[in-house]
C-alpha atoms as a PDB file:
ATOM      1  CA  UNK A   1      65.137  86.903 116.699  1.00  0.00           C
ATOM      2  CA  UNK A   2      67.298  89.330 118.626  1.00  0.00           C
ATOM      3  CA  UNK A   3      69.608  89.541 121.551  1.00  0.00           C
ATOM      4  CA  UNK A   4      69.678  91.191 124.928  1.00  0.00           C
ATOM      5  CA  UNK A   5      72.699  91.747 127.096  1.00  0.00           C
ATOM      6  CA  UNK A   6      72.759  92.989 130.684  1.00  0.00           C
ATOM      7  CA  UNK A   7      75.893  93.655 132.723  1.00  0.00           C
ATOM      8  CA  UNK A   8      75.575  94.139 136.450  1.00  0.00           C
ATOM      9  CA  UNK A   9      78.404  95.351 138.666  1.00  0.00           C
ATOM     10  CA  UNK A  10      78.460  95.969 142.385  1.00  0.00           C
ATOM     11  CA  UNK A  11      81.287  97.815 144.058  1.00  0.00           C
ATOM     12  CA  UNK A  12      80.971  97.510 147.845  1.00  0.00           C
ATOM     13  CA  UNK A  13      82.571 100.241 149.962  1.00  0.00           C
ATOM     14  CA  UNK A  14      86.283  99.700 150.609  1.00  0.00           C
ATOM     15  CA  UNK A  15      87.291  99.813 154.287  1.00  0.00           C
ATOM     16  CA  UNK A  16      90.473 101.682 153.266  1.00  0.00           C
ATOM     17  CA  UNK A  17      89.511 104.307 150.618  1.00  0.00           C
ATOM     18  CA  UNK A  18      93.124 105.449 150.222  1.00  0.00           C
ATOM     19  CA  UNK A  19      93.931 102.251 148.279  1.00  0.00           C
ATOM     20  CA  UNK A  20      90.908 102.219 145.948  1.00  0.00           C
ATOM     21  CA  UNK A  21      91.142 102.644 142.194  1.00  0.00           C
ATOM     22  CA  UNK A  22      88.365 103.903 139.950  1.00  0.00           C
ATOM     23  CA  UNK A  23      87.736 103.614 136.247  1.00  0.00           C
ATOM     24  CA  UNK A  24      89.622 105.905 133.889  1.00  0.00           C
ATOM     25  CA  UNK A  25      87.813 108.558 131.899  1.00  0.00           C
ATOM     26  CA  UNK A  26      85.610 106.765 129.412  1.00  0.00           C
ATOM     27  CA  UNK A  27      82.423 106.860 127.390  1.00  0.00           C
ATOM     28  CA  UNK A  28      79.707 104.352 128.140  1.00  0.00           C
ATOM     29  CA  UNK A  29      79.673 102.169 125.053  1.00  0.00           C
ATOM     30  CA  UNK A  30      76.255 100.692 125.747  1.00  0.00           C
ATOM     31  CA  UNK A  31      72.771 102.130 125.300  1.00  0.00           C
ATOM     32  CA  UNK A  32      71.869 103.049 128.873  1.00  0.00           C
ATOM     33  CA  UNK A  33      73.736 102.847 132.183  1.00  0.00           C
ATOM     34  CA  UNK A  34      71.796 102.909 135.461  1.00  0.00           C
ATOM     35  CA  UNK A  35      73.758 103.994 138.505  1.00  0.00           C
ATOM     36  CA  UNK A  36      72.166 103.473 141.894  1.00  0.00           C
ATOM     37  CA  UNK A  37      73.548 106.212 144.122  1.00  0.00           C
ATOM     38  CA  UNK A  38      74.783 105.951 147.677  1.00  0.00           C
ATOM     39  CA  UNK A  39      76.738 108.454 149.738  1.00  0.00           C
ATOM     40  CA  UNK A  40      80.154 107.351 148.407  1.00  0.00           C
ATOM     41  CA  UNK A  41      80.227 109.397 145.198  1.00  0.00           C
ATOM     42  CA  UNK A  42      82.883 109.281 142.508  1.00  0.00           C
ATOM     43  CA  UNK A  43      80.812 110.011 139.389  1.00  0.00           C
ATOM     44  CA  UNK A  44      82.114 112.697 137.019  1.00  0.00           C
ATOM     45  CA  UNK A  45      80.573 113.834 133.740  1.00  0.00           C
ATOM     46  CA  UNK A  46      82.285 115.576 130.871  1.00  0.00           C
ATOM     47  CA  UNK A  47      81.443 119.246 130.477  1.00  0.00           C
ATOM     48  CA  UNK A  48      80.577 120.787 127.135  1.00  0.00           C
ATOM     49  CA  UNK A  49      83.593 123.136 127.038  1.00  0.00           C
ATOM     50  CA  UNK A  50      86.886 121.462 126.264  1.00  0.00           C
ATOM     51  CA  UNK A  51      88.040 118.586 128.408  1.00  0.00           C
ATOM     52  CA  UNK A  52      86.620 119.692 131.773  1.00  0.00           C
ATOM     53  CA  UNK A  53      85.055 117.119 134.113  1.00  0.00           C
ATOM     54  CA  UNK A  54      82.294 117.955 136.588  1.00  0.00           C
ATOM     55  CA  UNK A  55      81.826 116.073 139.865  1.00  0.00           C
ATOM     56  CA  UNK A  56      78.272 114.808 140.383  1.00  0.00           C
ATOM     57  CA  UNK A  57      77.274 115.025 144.036  1.00  0.00           C
ATOM     58  CA  UNK A  58      75.630 111.738 145.046  1.00  0.00           C
ATOM     59  CA  UNK A  59      72.095 111.699 146.376  1.00  0.00           C
ATOM     60  CA  UNK A  60      71.597 108.577 148.466  1.00  0.00           C
ATOM     61  CA  UNK A  61      68.849 106.397 147.002  1.00  0.00           C
ATOM     62  CA  UNK A  62      68.782 108.261 143.666  1.00  0.00           C
ATOM     63  CA  UNK A  63      69.097 106.656 140.260  1.00  0.00           C
ATOM     64  CA  UNK A  64      71.427 108.285 137.708  1.00  0.00           C
ATOM     65  CA  UNK A  65      70.693 107.408 134.082  1.00  0.00           C
ATOM     66  CA  UNK A  66      73.525 107.805 131.561  1.00  0.00           C
ATOM     67  CA  UNK A  67      72.857 107.658 127.839  1.00  0.00           C
ATOM     68  CA  UNK A  68      75.557 105.609 126.114  1.00  0.00           C
ATOM     69  CA  UNK A  69      77.222 105.886 122.710  1.00  0.00           C
ATOM     70  CA  UNK A  70      74.980 103.302 121.034  1.00  0.00           C
ATOM     71  CA  UNK A  71      71.844 105.335 121.691  1.00  0.00           C
END
């Protein structure tokens, strides 16, 4: 028939941000990634010139949609 796979992650705010670790630079290997924004931030996207990375300012309550490699 077919298959469906959903991954859900929740990263609550850390009380001591100086000890937090984020994900390394990567491509989203899935079809679509939905990121529910808060005021914490931390999302970067790759620019179209070389290897530059652009910080995405968070908008609390917004939904960021990333198109993954499989799409």
